C-alpha cells in the first residue's frame, strides 16, 4: 500500500470573513484543537448568516472550552471588533 502526500492547504487571505472568524478563536483554550476549529466554524456561520447571537453560536458549537463561555464570548467579540466587525 502506498501513502500519498497530504493535499496542500490554501490559506484564506487576511481580509476574508473566514480568516477573521478563525483568528477570533485562536487564543481560546480548548481541550483539543478540533474544538477550536468547530468553534471557529460556528463563529463564521454566525457572521455570514447573522441568525441568533454570538453567545448562541459559542453554545451551539459544543466546543469543550477551558474557560467560561462568557470569557470566550468576550475574547471573540474583542477580536472581531479589532478586525472591524461589530456584533
PDB file of N, CA and C in Angstrom:
ATOM      1  N   UNK A   1       0.846  -1.161   0.000  1.00  0.00           N
ATOM      2  CA  UNK A   1       0.000   0.000   0.000  1.00  0.00           C
ATOM      3  C   UNK A   1       0.901   1.238   0.000  1.00  0.00           C
ATOM      4  N   UNK A   2       0.566   2.199  -0.831  1.00  0.00           N
ATOM      5  CA  UNK A   2       1.359   3.421  -0.895  1.00  0.00           C
ATOM      6  C   UNK A   2       0.654   4.539  -0.147  1.00  0.00           C
ATOM      7  N   UNK A   3       1.438   5.459   0.304  1.00  0.00           N
ATOM      8  CA  UNK A   3       0.894   6.609   1.018  1.00  0.00           C
ATOM      9  C   UNK A   3       1.175   7.855   0.194  1.00  0.00           C
ATOM     10  N   UNK A   4       0.121   8.573  -0.094  1.00  0.00           N
ATOM     11  CA  UNK A   4       0.272   9.809  -0.842  1.00  0.00           C
ATOM     12  C   UNK A   4       0.500  10.964   0.120  1.00  0.00           C
ATOM     13  N   UNK A   5       1.153  11.979  -0.388  1.00  0.00           N
ATOM     14  CA  UNK A   5       1.358  13.188   0.417  1.00  0.00           C
ATOM     15  C   UNK A   5       0.004  13.868   0.617  1.00  0.00           C
ATOM     16  N   UNK A   6      -0.195  14.511   1.777  1.00  0.00           N
ATOM     17  CA  UNK A   6      -1.476  15.181   2.010  1.00  0.00           C
ATOM     18  C   UNK A   6      -1.661  16.353   1.051  1.00  0.00           C
ATOM     19  N   UNK A   7      -2.898  16.678   0.806  1.00  0.00           N
ATOM     20  CA  UNK A   7      -3.208  17.810  -0.053  1.00  0.00           C
ATOM     21  C   UNK A   7      -2.702  19.095   0.587  1.00  0.00           C
ATOM     22  N   UNK A   8      -2.334  20.035  -0.245  1.00  0.00           N
ATOM     23  CA  UNK A   8      -1.890  21.317   0.289  1.00  0.00           C
ATOM     24  C   UNK A   8      -3.102  22.120   0.734  1.00  0.00           C
ATOM     25  N   UNK A   9      -2.897  22.933   1.716  1.00  0.00           N
ATOM     26  CA  UNK A   9      -3.960  23.772   2.248  1.00  0.00           C
ATOM     27  C   UNK A   9      -3.743  25.185   1.764  1.00  0.00           C
ATOM     28  N   UNK A  10      -4.771  25.742   1.153  1.00  0.00           N
ATOM     29  CA  UNK A  10      -4.675  27.115   0.673  1.00  0.00           C
ATOM     30  C   UNK A  10      -5.313  28.015   1.731  1.00  0.00           C
ATOM     31  N   UNK A  11      -4.506  28.868   2.318  1.00  0.00           N
ATOM     32  CA  UNK A  11      -4.969  29.770   3.367  1.00  0.00           C
ATOM     33  C   UNK A  11      -5.857  30.861   2.779  1.00  0.00           C
ATOM     34  N   UNK A  12      -6.840  31.300   3.585  1.00  0.00           N
ATOM     35  CA  UNK A  12      -7.647  32.451   3.191  1.00  0.00           C
ATOM     36  C   UNK A  12      -6.809  33.707   3.358  1.00  0.00           C
ATOM     37  N   UNK A  13      -7.084  34.714   2.568  1.00  0.00           N
ATOM     38  CA  UNK A  13      -6.372  35.976   2.725  1.00  0.00           C
ATOM     39  C   UNK A  13      -6.855  36.671   4.000  1.00  0.00           C
ATOM     40  N   UNK A  14      -6.069  37.602   4.495  1.00  0.00           N
ATOM     41  CA  UNK A  14      -6.339  38.232   5.790  1.00  0.00           C
ATOM     42  C   UNK A  14      -7.626  39.042   5.824  1.00  0.00           C
ATOM     43  N   UNK A  15      -8.133  39.472   4.682  1.00  0.00           N
ATOM     44  CA  UNK A  15      -9.323  40.322   4.679  1.00  0.00           C
ATOM     45  C   UNK A  15     -10.629  39.542   4.528  1.00  0.00           C
ATOM     46  N   UNK A  16     -10.574  38.223   4.493  1.00  0.00           N
ATOM     47  CA  UNK A  16     -11.794  37.429   4.334  1.00  0.00           C
ATOM     48  C   UNK A  16     -12.472  37.201   5.678  1.00  0.00           C
ATOM     49  N   UNK A  17     -13.771  36.984   5.624  1.00  0.00           N
ATOM     50  CA  UNK A  17     -14.545  36.750   6.836  1.00  0.00           C
ATOM     51  C   UNK A  17     -14.150  35.426   7.482  1.00  0.00           C
ATOM     52  N   UNK A  18     -13.768  34.447   6.681  1.00  0.00           N
ATOM     53  CA  UNK A  18     -13.355  33.158   7.219  1.00  0.00           C
ATOM     54  C   UNK A  18     -12.108  33.296   8.088  1.00  0.00           C
ATOM     55  N   UNK A  19     -11.134  34.025   7.575  1.00  0.00           N
ATOM     56  CA  UNK A  19      -9.875  34.215   8.311  1.00  0.00           C
ATOM     57  C   UNK A  19     -10.123  34.964   9.620  1.00  0.00           C
ATOM     58  N   UNK A  20     -10.972  35.989   9.566  1.00  0.00           N
ATOM     59  CA  UNK A  20     -11.269  36.775  10.765  1.00  0.00           C
ATOM     60  C   UNK A  20     -12.010  35.930  11.801  1.00  0.00           C
ATOM     61  N   UNK A  21     -12.905  35.064  11.355  1.00  0.00           N
ATOM     62  CA  UNK A  21     -13.649  34.210  12.285  1.00  0.00           C
ATOM     63  C   UNK A  21     -12.715  33.232  12.990  1.00  0.00           C
ATOM     64  N   UNK A  22     -11.854  32.575  12.243  1.00  0.00           N
ATOM     65  CA  UNK A  22     -10.946  31.599  12.845  1.00  0.00           C
ATOM     66  C   UNK A  22      -9.864  32.270  13.692  1.00  0.00           C
ATOM     67  N   UNK A  23      -9.433  33.479  13.305  1.00  0.00           N
ATOM     68  CA  UNK A  23      -8.464  34.206  14.125  1.00  0.00           C
ATOM     69  C   UNK A  23      -9.075  34.655  15.447  1.00  0.00           C
ATOM     70  N   UNK A  24     -10.380  34.901  15.455  1.00  0.00           N
ATOM     71  CA  UNK A  24     -11.027  35.364  16.682  1.00  0.00           C
ATOM     72  C   UNK A  24     -11.046  34.296  17.766  1.00  0.00           C
ATOM     73  N   UNK A  25     -10.928  33.036  17.383  1.00  0.00           N
ATOM     74  CA  UNK A  25     -10.949  31.956  18.376  1.00  0.00           C
ATOM     75  C   UNK A  25      -9.568  31.356  18.610  1.00  0.00           C
ATOM     76  N   UNK A  26      -8.555  31.880  17.938  1.00  0.00           N
ATOM     77  CA  UNK A  26      -7.211  31.303  18.023  1.00  0.00           C
ATOM     78  C   UNK A  26      -6.637  31.330  19.438  1.00  0.00           C
ATOM     79  N   UNK A  27      -6.990  32.316  20.231  1.00  0.00           N
ATOM     80  CA  UNK A  27      -6.428  32.436  21.574  1.00  0.00           C
ATOM     81  C   UNK A  27      -7.250  31.765  22.659  1.00  0.00           C
ATOM     82  N   UNK A  28      -8.288  31.045  22.289  1.00  0.00           N
ATOM     83  CA  UNK A  28      -9.158  30.414  23.282  1.00  0.00           C
ATOM     84  C   UNK A  28      -8.663  28.999  23.553  1.00  0.00           C
ATOM     85  N   UNK A  29      -8.482  28.700  24.827  1.00  0.00           N
ATOM     86  CA  UNK A  29      -8.005  27.380  25.224  1.00  0.00           C
ATOM     87  C   UNK A  29      -9.144  26.372  25.153  1.00  0.00           C
ATOM     88  N   UNK A  30      -8.908  25.287  24.403  1.00  0.00           N
ATOM     89  CA  UNK A  30      -9.883  24.213  24.288  1.00  0.00           C
ATOM     90  C   UNK A  30      -9.201  22.891  24.631  1.00  0.00           C
ATOM     91  N   UNK A  31     -10.025  21.869  24.846  1.00  0.00           N
ATOM     92  CA  UNK A  31      -9.473  20.569  25.190  1.00  0.00           C
ATOM     93  C   UNK A  31      -8.664  19.980  24.043  1.00  0.00           C
ATOM     94  N   UNK A  32      -9.169  20.113  22.827  1.00  0.00           N
ATOM     95  CA  UNK A  32      -8.489  19.597  21.642  1.00  0.00           C
ATOM     96  C   UNK A  32      -8.539  20.649  20.539  1.00  0.00           C
ATOM     97  N   UNK A  33      -7.586  20.615  19.604  1.00  0.00           N
ATOM     98  CA  UNK A  33      -7.616  21.593  18.512  1.00  0.00           C
ATOM     99  C   UNK A  33      -8.915  21.537  17.704  1.00  0.00           C
ATOM    100  N   UNK A  34      -9.496  20.356  17.558  1.00  0.00           N
ATOM    101  CA  UNK A  34     -10.735  20.234  16.796  1.00  0.00           C
ATOM    102  C   UNK A  34     -11.862  21.055  17.431  1.00  0.00           C
ATOM    103  N   UNK A  35     -11.865  21.190  18.757  1.00  0.00           N
ATOM    104  CA  UNK A  35     -12.866  22.022  19.421  1.00  0.00           C
ATOM    105  C   UNK A  35     -12.741  23.476  18.981  1.00  0.00           C
ATOM    106  N   UNK A  36     -11.521  23.941  18.813  1.00  0.00           N
ATOM    107  CA  UNK A  36     -11.288  25.317  18.369  1.00  0.00           C
ATOM    108  C   UNK A  36     -11.732  25.491  16.920  1.00  0.00           C
ATOM    109  N   UNK A  37     -11.464  24.484  16.079  1.00  0.00           N
ATOM    110  CA  UNK A  37     -11.904  24.559  14.680  1.00  0.00           C
ATOM    111  C   UNK A  37     -13.433  24.577  14.603  1.00  0.00           C
ATOM    112  N   UNK A  38     -14.081  23.768  15.419  1.00  0.00           N
ATOM    113  CA  UNK A  38     -15.541  23.729  15.437  1.00  0.00           C
ATOM    114  C   UNK A  38     -16.101  25.071  15.907  1.00  0.00           C
ATOM    115  N   UNK A  39     -15.470  25.653  16.912  1.00  0.00           N
ATOM    116  CA  UNK A  39     -15.889  26.964  17.399  1.00  0.00           C
ATOM    117  C   UNK A  39     -15.703  28.019  16.312  1.00  0.00           C
ATOM    118  N   UNK A  40     -14.584  27.981  15.617  1.00  0.00           N
ATOM    119  CA  UNK A  40     -14.333  28.911  14.521  1.00  0.00           C
ATOM    120  C   UNK A  40     -15.364  28.788  13.420  1.00  0.00           C
ATOM    121  N   UNK A  41     -15.754  27.547  13.108  1.00  0.00           N
ATOM    122  CA  UNK A  41     -16.778  27.339  12.087  1.00  0.00           C
ATOM    123  C   UNK A  41     -18.099  27.966  12.506  1.00  0.00           C
ATOM    124  N   UNK A  42     -18.482  27.795  13.766  1.00  0.00           N
ATOM    125  CA  UNK A  42     -19.747  28.362  14.237  1.00  0.00           C
ATOM    126  C   UNK A  42     -19.707  29.894  14.272  1.00  0.00           C
ATOM    127  N   UNK A  43     -18.552  30.461  14.562  1.00  0.00           N
ATOM    128  CA  UNK A  43     -18.427  31.922  14.513  1.00  0.00           C
ATOM    129  C   UNK A  43     -18.555  32.392  13.065  1.00  0.00           C
ATOM    130  N   UNK A  44     -17.909  31.692  12.133  1.00  0.00           N
ATOM    131  CA  UNK A  44     -18.033  32.038  10.718  1.00  0.00           C
ATOM    132  C   UNK A  44     -19.490  31.948  10.272  1.00  0.00           C
ATOM    133  N   UNK A  45     -20.162  30.878  10.670  1.00  0.00           N
ATOM    134  CA  UNK A  45     -21.569  30.704  10.294  1.00  0.00           C
ATOM    135  C   UNK A  45     -22.430  31.828  10.869  1.00  0.00           C
ATOM    136  N   UNK A  46     -22.148  32.214  12.112  1.00  0.00           N
ATOM    137  CA  UNK A  46     -22.881  33.320  12.729  1.00  0.00           C
ATOM    138  C   UNK A  46     -22.657  34.618  11.953  1.00  0.00           C
ATOM    139  N   UNK A  47     -21.425  34.878  11.561  1.00  0.00           N
ATOM    140  CA  UNK A  47     -21.110  36.119  10.855  1.00  0.00           C
ATOM    141  C   UNK A  47     -21.721  36.172   9.461  1.00  0.00           C
ATOM    142  N   UNK A  48     -21.864  35.049   8.792  1.00  0.00           N
ATOM    143  CA  UNK A  48     -22.410  35.047   7.443  1.00  0.00           C
ATOM    144  C   UNK A  48     -23.928  35.017   7.428  1.00  0.00           C
ATOM    145  N   UNK A  49     -24.537  34.319   8.377  1.00  0.00           N
ATOM    146  CA  UNK A  49     -25.995  34.174   8.388  1.00  0.00           C
ATOM    147  C   UNK A  49     -26.653  35.216   9.290  1.00  0.00           C
ATOM    148  N   UNK A  50     -25.958  35.606  10.368  1.00  0.00           N
ATOM    149  CA  UNK A  50     -26.478  36.559  11.365  1.00  0.00           C
ATOM    150  C   UNK A  50     -27.811  36.087  11.949  1.00  0.00           C
ATOM    151  N   UNK A  51     -27.864  34.807  12.263  1.00  0.00           N
ATOM    152  CA  UNK A  51     -29.044  34.222  12.882  1.00  0.00           C
ATOM    153  C   UNK A  51     -28.710  33.899  14.333  1.00  0.00           C
ATOM    154  N   UNK A  52     -29.339  34.582  15.275  1.00  0.00           N
ATOM    155  CA  UNK A  52     -29.056  34.358  16.685  1.00  0.00           C
ATOM    156  C   UNK A  52     -28.053  35.360  17.212  1.00  0.00           C
ATOM    157  N   UNK A  53     -27.401  34.962  18.291  1.00  0.00           N
ATOM    158  CA  UNK A  53     -26.425  35.841  18.928  1.00  0.00           C
ATOM    159  C   UNK A  53     -25.062  35.171  18.961  1.00  0.00           C
ATOM    160  N   UNK A  54     -24.057  35.943  19.286  1.00  0.00           N
ATOM    161  CA  UNK A  54     -22.714  35.398  19.421  1.00  0.00           C
ATOM    162  C   UNK A  54     -22.675  34.366  20.542  1.00  0.00           C
ATOM    163  N   UNK A  55     -23.395  34.645  21.609  1.00  0.00           N
ATOM    164  CA  UNK A  55     -23.455  33.705  22.730  1.00  0.00           C
ATOM    165  C   UNK A  55     -24.048  32.368  22.292  1.00  0.00           C
ATOM    166  N   UNK A  56     -25.087  32.423  21.453  1.00  0.00           N
ATOM    167  CA  UNK A  56     -25.696  31.195  20.946  1.00  0.00           C
ATOM    168  C   UNK A  56     -24.724  30.419  20.065  1.00  0.00           C
ATOM    169  N   UNK A  57     -23.962  31.126  19.252  1.00  0.00           N
ATOM    170  CA  UNK A  57     -23.001  30.473  18.366  1.00  0.00           C
ATOM    171  C   UNK A  57     -21.950  29.717  19.169  1.00  0.00           C
ATOM    172  N   UNK A  58     -21.487  30.315  20.256  1.00  0.00           N
ATOM    173  CA  UNK A  58     -20.495  29.646  21.107  1.00  0.00           C
ATOM    174  C   UNK A  58     -21.120  28.423  21.766  1.00  0.00           C
ATOM    175  N   UNK A  59     -22.340  28.553  22.253  1.00  0.00           N
ATOM    176  CA  UNK A  59     -23.010  27.429  22.905  1.00  0.00           C
ATOM    177  C   UNK A  59     -23.309  26.307  21.914  1.00  0.00           C
ATOM    178  N   UNK A  60     -23.778  26.653  20.713  1.00  0.00           N
ATOM    179  CA  UNK A  60     -24.129  25.651  19.711  1.00  0.00           C
ATOM    180  C   UNK A  60     -22.920  24.890  19.193  1.00  0.00           C
ATOM    181  N   UNK A  61     -21.751  25.487  19.274  1.00  0.00           N
ATOM    182  CA  UNK A  61     -20.562  24.827  18.754  1.00  0.00           C
ATOM    183  C   UNK A  61     -20.252  23.537  19.503  1.00  0.00           C
ATOM    184  N   UNK A  62     -20.600  23.493  20.764  1.00  0.00           N
ATOM    185  CA  UNK A  62     -20.301  22.302  21.552  1.00  0.00           C
ATOM    186  C   UNK A  62     -18.823  22.152  21.863  1.00  0.00           C
ATOM    187  N   UNK A  63     -18.057  23.209  21.647  1.00  0.00           N
ATOM    188  CA  UNK A  63     -16.618  23.163  21.904  1.00  0.00           C
ATOM    189  C   UNK A  63     -16.368  23.023  23.399  1.00  0.00           C
ATOM    190  N   UNK A  64     -15.439  22.160  23.736  1.00  0.00           N
ATOM    191  CA  UNK A  64     -15.085  21.953  25.138  1.00  0.00           C
ATOM    192  C   UNK A  64     -14.013  22.975  25.515  1.00  0.00           C
ATOM    193  N   UNK A  65     -14.473  24.036  26.141  1.00  0.00           N
ATOM    194  CA  UNK A  65     -13.617  25.170  26.471  1.00  0.00           C
ATOM    195  C   UNK A  65     -12.945  24.970  27.818  1.00  0.00           C
ATOM    196  N   UNK A  66     -11.746  25.522  27.948  1.00  0.00           N
ATOM    197  CA  UNK A  66     -11.037  25.516  29.224  1.00  0.00           C
ATOM    198  C   UNK A  66     -11.334  26.766  30.030  1.00  0.00           C
ATOM    199  N   UNK A  67     -12.093  27.687  29.453  1.00  0.00           N
ATOM    200  CA  UNK A  67     -12.508  28.910  30.132  1.00  0.00           C
ATOM    201  C   UNK A  67     -14.035  28.971  30.081  1.00  0.00           C
ATOM    202  N   UNK A  68     -14.610  29.916  30.786  1.00  0.00           N
ATOM    203  CA  UNK A  68     -16.068  30.029  30.780  1.00  0.00           C
ATOM    204  C   UNK A  68     -16.554  30.533  29.431  1.00  0.00           C
ATOM    205  N   UNK A  69     -17.804  30.246  29.109  1.00  0.00           N
ATOM    206  CA  UNK A  69     -18.381  30.719  27.855  1.00  0.00           C
ATOM    207  C   UNK A  69     -18.401  32.240  27.794  1.00  0.00           C
ATOM    208  N   UNK A  70     -18.673  32.875  28.943  1.00  0.00           N
ATOM    209  CA  UNK A  70     -18.715  34.337  28.974  1.00  0.00           C
ATOM    210  C   UNK A  70     -17.364  34.927  28.610  1.00  0.00           C
ATOM    211  N   UNK A  71     -16.291  34.329  29.144  1.00  0.00           N
ATOM    212  CA  UNK A  71     -14.951  34.808  28.814  1.00  0.00           C
ATOM    213  C   UNK A  71     -14.633  34.578  27.338  1.00  0.00           C
ATOM    214  N   UNK A  72     -15.051  33.421  26.815  1.00  0.00           N
ATOM    215  CA  UNK A  72     -14.814  33.121  25.403  1.00  0.00           C
ATOM    216  C   UNK A  72     -15.538  34.126  24.514  1.00  0.00           C
ATOM    217  N   UNK A  73     -16.781  34.442  24.848  1.00  0.00           N
ATOM    218  CA  UNK A  73     -17.552  35.409  24.067  1.00  0.00           C
ATOM    219  C   UNK A  73     -16.878  36.775  24.108  1.00  0.00           C
ATOM    220  N   UNK A  74     -16.377  37.170  25.271  1.00  0.00           N
ATOM    221  CA  UNK A  74     -15.698  38.461  25.398  1.00  0.00           C
ATOM    222  C   UNK A  74     -14.433  38.505  24.543  1.00  0.00           C
ATOM    223  N   UNK A  75     -13.664  37.427  24.521  1.00  0.00           N
ATOM    224  CA  UNK A  75     -12.442  37.370  23.723  1.00  0.00           C
ATOM    225  C   UNK A  75     -12.780  37.428  22.235  1.00  0.00           C
ATOM    226  N   UNK A  76     -13.787  36.665  21.825  1.00  0.00           N
ATOM    227  CA  UNK A  76     -14.182  36.637  20.418  1.00  0.00           C
ATOM    228  C   UNK A  76     -14.703  37.996  19.984  1.00  0.00           C
ATOM    229  N   UNK A  77     -15.568  38.594  20.793  1.00  0.00           N
ATOM    230  CA  UNK A  77     -16.135  39.909  20.458  1.00  0.00           C
ATOM    231  C   UNK A  77     -15.024  40.952  20.319  1.00  0.00           C
ATOM    232  N   UNK A  78     -14.064  40.960  21.248  1.00  0.00           N
ATOM    233  CA  UNK A  78     -12.965  41.928  21.189  1.00  0.00           C
ATOM    234  C   UNK A  78     -12.120  41.725  19.933  1.00  0.00           C
ATOM    235  N   UNK A  79     -11.861  40.481  19.586  1.00  0.00           N
ATOM    236  CA  UNK A  79     -11.063  40.200  18.397  1.00  0.00           C
ATOM    237  C   UNK A  79     -11.790  40.612  17.122  1.00  0.00           C
ATOM    238  N   UNK A  80     -13.082  40.338  17.066  1.00  0.00           N
ATOM    239  CA  UNK A  80     -13.855  40.721  15.882  1.00  0.00           C
ATOM    240  C   UNK A  80     -13.934  42.240  15.753  1.00  0.00           C
ATOM    241  N   UNK A  81     -14.133  42.932  16.874  1.00  0.00           N
ATOM    242  CA  UNK A  81     -14.196  44.395  16.820  1.00  0.00           C
ATOM    243  C   UNK A  81     -12.867  44.993  16.418  1.00  0.00           C
ATOM    244  N   UNK A  82     -11.771  44.358  16.835  1.00  0.00           N
ATOM    245  CA  UNK A  82     -10.447  44.810  16.438  1.00  0.00           C
ATOM    246  C   UNK A  82     -10.255  44.690  14.914  1.00  0.00           C
ATOM    247  N   UNK A  83     -10.936  43.693  14.323  1.00  0.00           N
ATOM    248  CA  UNK A  83     -10.859  43.483  12.873  1.00  0.00           C
ATOM    249  C   UNK A  83     -11.962  44.220  12.119  1.00  0.00           C
ATOM    250  N   UNK A  84     -12.715  45.091  12.823  1.00  0.00           N
ATOM    251  CA  UNK A  84     -13.706  45.912  12.157  1.00  0.00           C
ATOM    252  C   UNK A  84     -15.076  45.290  12.003  1.00  0.00           C
ATOM    253  N   UNK A  85     -15.342  44.214  12.740  1.00  0.00           N
ATOM    254  CA  UNK A  85     -16.653  43.555  12.671  1.00  0.00           C
ATOM    255  C   UNK A  85     -17.385  43.799  13.979  1.00  0.00           C
ATOM    256  N   UNK A  86     -18.541  44.446  13.901  1.00  0.00           N
ATOM    257  CA  UNK A  86     -19.329  44.689  15.115  1.00  0.00           C
ATOM    258  C   UNK A  86     -20.408  43.623  15.229  1.00  0.00           C
ATOM    259  N   UNK A  87     -20.555  43.123  16.443  1.00  0.00           N
ATOM    260  CA  UNK A  87     -21.583  42.095  16.705  1.00  0.00           C
ATOM    261  C   UNK A  87     -22.494  42.552  17.819  1.00  0.00           C
TER     262      UNK A  87
END
